C-alpha atoms as a PDB file:
ATOM      1  CA  MET A   1      15.354   7.284  -4.144  1.00  0.00           C
ATOM      2  CA  ASP A   2      14.338   4.338  -1.819  1.00  0.00           C
ATOM      3  CA  ALA A   3      11.926   4.973   0.881  1.00  0.00           C
ATOM      4  CA  THR A   4      11.640   2.397   3.743  1.00  0.00           C
ATOM      5  CA  TYR A   5       9.597   4.116   6.526  1.00  0.00           C
ATOM      6  CA  ASP A   6      12.032   2.619   9.246  1.00  0.00           C
ATOM      7  CA  ASN A   7      12.927   6.215  10.523  1.00  0.00           C
ATOM      8  CA  LEU A   8       9.122   7.067  11.204  1.00  0.00           C
ATOM      9  CA  ALA A   9       7.331   6.446  14.355  1.00  0.00           C
ATOM     10  CA  SER A  10       4.802   3.694  14.017  1.00  0.00           C
ATOM     11  CA  ARG A  11       1.980   1.706  15.654  1.00  0.00           C
ATOM     12  CA  PRO A  12       1.205  -1.970  15.154  1.00  0.00           C
ATOM     13  CA  LEU A  13      -0.852  -2.927  12.255  1.00  0.00           C
ATOM     14  CA  GLY A  14      -4.535  -3.258  13.621  1.00  0.00           C
ATOM     15  CA  LEU A  15      -4.410  -0.484  16.031  1.00  0.00           C
ATOM     16  CA  PRO A  16      -5.716   2.986  15.533  1.00  0.00           C
ATOM     17  CA  ALA A  17      -2.991   5.113  13.659  1.00  0.00           C
ATOM     18  CA  GLU A  18      -4.095   8.309  12.900  1.00  0.00           C
ATOM     19  CA  GLU A  19      -1.706   9.944  14.787  1.00  0.00           C
ATOM     20  CA  ASN A  20       0.976   8.113  12.553  1.00  0.00           C
ATOM     21  CA  ALA A  21       0.240   9.642   9.290  1.00  0.00           C
ATOM     22  CA  VAL A  22       3.191  10.086   6.905  1.00  0.00           C
ATOM     23  CA  PRO A  23       4.682  13.266   7.393  1.00  0.00           C
ATOM     24  CA  ASN A  24       4.736  15.474   4.300  1.00  0.00           C
ATOM     25  CA  PRO A  25       6.947  15.890   2.565  1.00  0.00           C
ATOM     26  CA  TYR A  26       8.571  12.671   3.270  1.00  0.00           C
ATOM     27  CA  MET A  27      11.518  11.522   0.940  1.00  0.00           C
ATOM     28  CA  GLU A  28      10.549  14.374  -1.511  1.00  0.00           C
ATOM     29  CA  LEU A  29       6.796  13.099  -1.934  1.00  0.00           C
ATOM     30  CA  ASN A  30       3.367  13.759  -0.201  1.00  0.00           C
ATOM     31  CA  TYR A  31       1.247  11.227   1.239  1.00  0.00           C
ATOM     32  CA  THR A  32      -2.763  11.475   1.617  1.00  0.00           C
ATOM     33  CA  SER A  33      -4.440   8.761   3.665  1.00  0.00           C
ATOM     34  CA  PHE A  34      -1.513   6.879   4.722  1.00  0.00           C
ATOM     35  CA  ASN A  35      -0.198   5.706   8.142  1.00  0.00           C
ATOM     36  CA  VAL A  36       2.970   4.385   9.315  1.00  0.00           C
ATOM     37  CA  VAL A  37       2.825   0.771  10.712  1.00  0.00           C
ATOM     38  CA  ASP A  38       4.944  -1.620  12.403  1.00  0.00           C
ATOM     39  CA  LEU A  39       4.312  -4.991  10.439  1.00  0.00           C
ATOM     40  CA  LEU A  40       6.178  -7.011  13.226  1.00  0.00           C
ATOM     41  CA  GLY A  41       3.350  -6.014  15.941  1.00  0.00           C
ATOM     42  CA  PRO A  42       1.244  -8.923  17.570  1.00  0.00           C
ATOM     43  CA  ASN A  43      -1.875  -8.696  15.265  1.00  0.00           C
ATOM     44  CA  SER A  44       0.299  -8.843  11.968  1.00  0.00           C
ATOM     45  CA  LEU A  45       0.873 -11.886   9.855  1.00  0.00           C
ATOM     46  CA  LEU A  46       2.528 -10.110   7.105  1.00  0.00           C
ATOM     47  CA  ILE A  47       6.390  -9.939   6.871  1.00  0.00           C
ATOM     48  CA  PRO A  48       7.779  -6.595   5.782  1.00  0.00           C
ATOM     49  CA  HIS A  49      10.479  -6.253   3.224  1.00  0.00           C
ATOM     50  CA  THR A  50      12.619  -4.058   4.946  1.00  0.00           C
ATOM     51  CA  ALA A  51      13.459  -4.204   8.928  1.00  0.00           C
ATOM     52  CA  LEU A  52      10.168  -2.932  10.555  1.00  0.00           C
ATOM     53  CA  ASN A  53       7.831  -0.434   9.048  1.00  0.00           C
ATOM     54  CA  ALA A  54       5.417  -0.150   6.137  1.00  0.00           C
ATOM     55  CA  ILE A  55       2.754   2.223   5.203  1.00  0.00           C
ATOM     56  CA  VAL A  56      -0.960   1.166   5.163  1.00  0.00           C
ATOM     57  CA  GLY A  57      -3.710   2.735   2.867  1.00  0.00           C
ATOM     58  CA  GLY A  58      -7.324   3.047   3.778  1.00  0.00           C
ATOM     59  CA  ALA A  59      -9.653   0.335   3.686  1.00  0.00           C
ATOM     60  CA  VAL A  60     -12.149  -0.479   0.907  1.00  0.00           C
ATOM     61  CA  THR A  61     -14.677  -3.030   1.106  1.00  0.00           C
ATOM     62  CA  GLU A  62     -15.152  -4.767  -2.260  1.00  0.00           C
ATOM     63  CA  ALA A  63     -18.818  -5.212  -1.945  1.00  0.00           C
ATOM     64  CA  THR A  64     -19.767  -1.643  -1.162  1.00  0.00           C
ATOM     65  CA  GLY A  65     -16.686   0.138  -2.679  1.00  0.00           C
ATOM     66  CA  ASN A  66     -16.566   2.242   0.492  1.00  0.00           C
ATOM     67  CA  GLY A  67     -13.074   3.380   1.833  1.00  0.00           C
ATOM     68  CA  ALA A  68     -10.287   5.790   1.079  1.00  0.00           C
ATOM     69  CA  SER A  69      -8.455   6.021  -2.168  1.00  0.00           C
ATOM     70  CA  PRO A  70      -4.709   7.027  -0.838  1.00  0.00           C
ATOM     71  CA  SER A  71      -2.554   9.003  -2.708  1.00  0.00           C
ATOM     72  CA  ILE A  72       1.140  10.016  -3.359  1.00  0.00           C
ATOM     73  CA  LEU A  73       1.991  13.320  -4.729  1.00  0.00           C
ATOM     74  CA  ALA A  74       4.910  15.201  -6.227  1.00  0.00           C
ATOM     75  CA  PRO A  75       5.241  18.680  -4.606  1.00  0.00           C
ATOM     76  CA  PRO A  76       4.111  21.446  -6.918  1.00  0.00           C
ATOM     77  CA  GLY A  77       6.729  22.153  -9.930  1.00  0.00           C
ATOM     78  CA  TYR A  78       8.031  18.366  -9.481  1.00  0.00           C
ATOM     79  CA  VAL A  79       7.372  14.966 -11.192  1.00  0.00           C
ATOM     80  CA  PHE A  80       8.260  11.355 -10.015  1.00  0.00           C
ATOM     81  CA  SER A  81       8.639   8.136 -11.783  1.00  0.00           C
ATOM     82  CA  PRO A  82       7.827   5.325  -9.714  1.00  0.00           C
ATOM     83  CA  LEU A  83       9.868   2.243 -10.676  1.00  0.00           C
ATOM     84  CA  SER A  84       8.747  -0.538  -7.915  1.00  0.00           C
ATOM     85  CA  THR A  85       7.447  -1.250  -4.638  1.00  0.00           C
ATOM     86  CA  TYR A  86       6.833  -3.955  -2.128  1.00  0.00           C
ATOM     87  CA  LEU A  87       3.031  -4.701  -1.395  1.00  0.00           C
ATOM     88  CA  SER A  88       0.549  -6.749   0.456  1.00  0.00           C
ATOM     89  CA  CYS A  89      -3.182  -6.802   1.495  1.00  0.00           C
ATOM     90  CA  ASP A  90      -4.594  -8.010   4.646  1.00  0.00           C
ATOM     91  CA  ALA A  91      -8.083  -8.388   6.195  1.00  0.00           C
ATOM     92  CA  THR A  92      -9.037  -8.777   9.690  1.00  0.00           C
ATOM     93  CA  SER A  93      -9.602 -12.172  10.755  1.00  0.00           C
ATOM     94  CA  ALA A  94     -12.383 -13.346  13.586  1.00  0.00           C
ATOM     95  CA  GLY A  95      -9.569 -13.518  16.106  1.00  0.00           C
ATOM     96  CA  GLY A  96      -8.348  -9.679  15.355  1.00  0.00           C
ATOM     97  CA  ALA A  97      -5.315 -10.718  13.686  1.00  0.00           C
ATOM     98  CA  ARG A  98      -4.469  -9.103  10.213  1.00  0.00           C
ATOM     99  CA  ALA A  99      -4.167 -12.000   7.936  1.00  0.00           C
ATOM    100  CA  PRO A 100      -2.824 -11.611   4.237  1.00  0.00           C
ATOM    101  CA  VAL A 101      -5.236 -11.955   1.537  1.00  0.00           C
ATOM    102  CA  GLY A 102      -4.790 -11.852  -2.158  1.00  0.00           C
ATOM    103  CA  CYS A 103      -5.441  -8.529  -3.961  1.00  0.00           C
ATOM    104  CA  THR A 104      -4.998  -6.458  -7.127  1.00  0.00           C
ATOM    105  CA  LEU A 105      -4.171  -2.712  -6.346  1.00  0.00           C
ATOM    106  CA  GLN A 106      -4.808  -0.152  -9.078  1.00  0.00           C
ATOM    107  CA  PHE A 107      -2.518   2.536  -9.419  1.00  0.00           C
ATOM    108  CA  THR A 108      -3.927   5.660 -11.375  1.00  0.00           C
ATOM    109  CA  ALA A 109      -1.592   8.415 -12.217  1.00  0.00           C
ATOM    110  CA  THR A 110      -1.612  11.717 -13.557  1.00  0.00           C
ATOM    111  CA  LYS A 111       0.841  12.470 -16.224  1.00  0.00           C
ATOM    112  CA  ALA A 112       2.752  15.735 -16.356  1.00  0.00           C
ATOM    113  CA  SER A 113       1.919  16.134 -19.984  1.00  0.00           C
ATOM    114  CA  GLY A 114      -1.804  15.683 -19.187  1.00  0.00           C
ATOM    115  CA  GLY A 115      -4.019  12.595 -19.183  1.00  0.00           C
ATOM    116  CA  THR A 116      -3.823   9.693 -16.910  1.00  0.00           C
ATOM    117  CA  VAL A 117      -2.254   5.978 -16.891  1.00  0.00           C
ATOM    118  CA  THR A 118      -3.109   2.942 -14.981  1.00  0.00           C
ATOM    119  CA  ALA A 119      -1.175   0.125 -13.744  1.00  0.00           C
ATOM    120  CA  LEU A 120      -2.491  -3.223 -11.773  1.00  0.00           C
ATOM    121  CA  LEU A 121      -0.045  -4.678  -9.322  1.00  0.00           C
ATOM    122  CA  SER A 122      -1.139  -7.977  -7.503  1.00  0.00           C
ATOM    123  CA  PHE A 123      -0.345  -9.440  -4.372  1.00  0.00           C
ATOM    124  CA  LEU A 124      -0.819 -13.275  -3.925  1.00  0.00           C
ATOM    125  CA  PRO A 125       0.083 -15.009  -0.503  1.00  0.00           C
ATOM    126  CA  ASP A 126       1.481 -18.295  -0.676  1.00  0.00           C
ATOM    127  CA  THR A 127      -1.516 -20.173   0.656  1.00  0.00           C
ATOM    128  CA  ILE A 128      -4.871 -19.352  -1.147  1.00  0.00           C
ATOM    129  CA  LEU A 129      -7.804 -19.418   1.317  1.00  0.00           C
ATOM    130  CA  GLY A 130     -11.120 -20.928   0.285  1.00  0.00           C
ATOM    131  CA  ASN A 131     -14.701 -19.705   1.005  1.00  0.00           C
ATOM    132  CA  GLY A 132     -13.634 -15.881   1.782  1.00  0.00           C
ATOM    133  CA  SER A 133     -12.273 -17.280   5.140  1.00  0.00           C
ATOM    134  CA  VAL A 134      -9.095 -15.807   6.854  1.00  0.00           C
ATOM    135  CA  SER A 135      -6.644 -18.155   8.525  1.00  0.00           C
ATOM    136  CA  LEU A 136      -4.924 -17.136  11.843  1.00  0.00           C
ATOM    137  CA  THR A 137      -1.678 -19.460  10.782  1.00  0.00           C
ATOM    138  CA  GLN A 138      -1.082 -17.950   7.142  1.00  0.00           C
ATOM    139  CA  SER A 139       1.790 -15.458   7.038  1.00  0.00           C
ATOM    140  CA  ALA A 140       3.471 -13.974   3.775  1.00  0.00           C
ATOM    141  CA  ASN A 141       6.185 -11.802   2.611  1.00  0.00           C
ATOM    142  CA  MET A 142       5.537  -8.688   0.897  1.00  0.00           C
ATOM    143  CA  GLN A 143       5.724  -9.060  -2.939  1.00  0.00           C
ATOM    144  CA  GLN A 144       7.514  -6.630  -5.290  1.00  0.00           C
ATOM    145  CA  GLY A 145       5.533  -4.865  -8.048  1.00  0.00           C
ATOM    146  CA  VAL A 146       7.298  -3.064 -10.927  1.00  0.00           C
ATOM    147  CA  PHE A 147       5.494  -0.181 -12.605  1.00  0.00           C
ATOM    148  CA  PRO A 148       5.297   0.102 -16.548  1.00  0.00           C
ATOM    149  CA  ALA A 149       7.369   2.609 -18.372  1.00  0.00           C
ATOM    150  CA  SER A 150       4.153   4.582 -18.939  1.00  0.00           C
ATOM    151  CA  PHE A 151       4.463   5.661 -15.176  1.00  0.00           C
ATOM    152  CA  ALA A 152       7.405   8.104 -15.996  1.00  0.00           C
ATOM    153  CA  SER A 153       6.981  11.989 -15.167  1.00  0.00           C
ATOM    154  CA  ILE A 154       3.892  11.644 -13.158  1.00  0.00           C
ATOM    155  CA  THR A 155       2.511  14.112 -10.780  1.00  0.00           C
ATOM    156  CA  GLY A 156       0.690  11.863  -8.463  1.00  0.00           C
ATOM    157  CA  ALA A 157      -1.145   8.554  -8.152  1.00  0.00           C
ATOM    158  CA  THR A 158      -4.152   7.163  -6.312  1.00  0.00           C
ATOM    159  CA  ILE A 159      -4.116   3.583  -5.125  1.00  0.00           C
ATOM    160  CA  ALA A 160      -7.329   1.342  -4.724  1.00  0.00           C
ATOM    161  CA  VAL A 161      -7.952  -2.237  -3.826  1.00  0.00           C
ATOM    162  CA  VAL A 162      -9.865  -3.212  -6.803  1.00  0.00           C
ATOM    163  CA  ASP A 163      -9.886  -7.036  -6.216  1.00  0.00           C
ATOM    164  CA  SER A 164      -9.686  -9.058  -2.851  1.00  0.00           C
ATOM    165  CA  SER A 165      -9.751 -12.740  -2.255  1.00  0.00           C
ATOM    166  CA  VAL A 166     -11.986 -11.853   0.696  1.00  0.00           C
ATOM    167  CA  GLU A 167     -15.085 -10.179  -0.187  1.00  0.00           C
ATOM    168  CA  THR A 168     -16.956 -10.107   3.037  1.00  0.00           C
ATOM    169  CA  THR A 169     -14.639  -7.743   5.114  1.00  0.00           C
ATOM    170  CA  ALA A 170     -12.425  -4.746   4.365  1.00  0.00           C
ATOM    171  CA  THR A 171      -9.250  -5.164   2.977  1.00  0.00           C
ATOM    172  CA  THR A 172      -6.292  -2.886   3.261  1.00  0.00           C
ATOM    173  CA  PHE A 173      -3.091  -2.650   1.654  1.00  0.00           C
ATOM    174  CA  GLU A 174       0.419  -2.025   2.781  1.00  0.00           C
ATOM    175  CA  LEU A 175       3.408  -0.656   0.739  1.00  0.00           C
ATOM    176  CA  ASP A 176       7.179  -0.671   1.531  1.00  0.00           C
ATOM    177  CA  ASP A 177      10.332   0.166  -0.102  1.00  0.00           C
ATOM    178  CA  PRO A 178       9.277   2.091  -2.890  1.00  0.00           C
ATOM    179  CA  VAL A 179      12.069   3.168  -5.534  1.00  0.00           C
ATOM    180  CA  TYR A 180      11.396   6.100  -7.481  1.00  0.00           C
ATOM    181  CA  GLU A 181      13.080   9.321  -9.079  1.00  0.00           C
ATOM    182  CA  VAL A 182      11.874  12.725  -8.381  1.00  0.00           C
ATOM    183  CA  TRP A 183      12.924  16.022 -10.429  1.00  0.00           C
ATOM    184  CA  ALA A 184      11.740  19.566 -10.975  1.00  0.00           C
ATOM    185  CA  LEU A 185       9.972  20.453 -14.071  1.00  0.00           C
END
């Protein structure tokens, strides 16, 4: 299965998106704390992998640990195996634009057989910013992350930003075009 989110209503990145929550179920999975965003909007310097939309997870401020930990879940009686996804991270610049920043996302998954597994996927824009600043001219393509084989047959995963190249502001993350398999137990 390949979810592009391009068939869902969206708002430009950086605007309130509460009314644009990913509907449940979407492409056989349930989403918690994710909204659909248009990465081609005026406040975004990110370049989506697919034509238009991606999903954005809640902001996490590295210094305080405050923020949402969005999750993706299989419906009851099902499991899924994520294979890959495109990802990016961004932070709000002084001018209000959402500029790409380097980050590491931690995916913590619950196995159908019990226990948990963890994977770290990183996003590194082409230009590295110094002193925690955010450039208004920087843009970046989303990058593909591949899940390890240990993520086969999971019931769900939570996602959190565990490292960001900008520590003084909230970092959000975007996902696009995940490839996965879903089946009944």
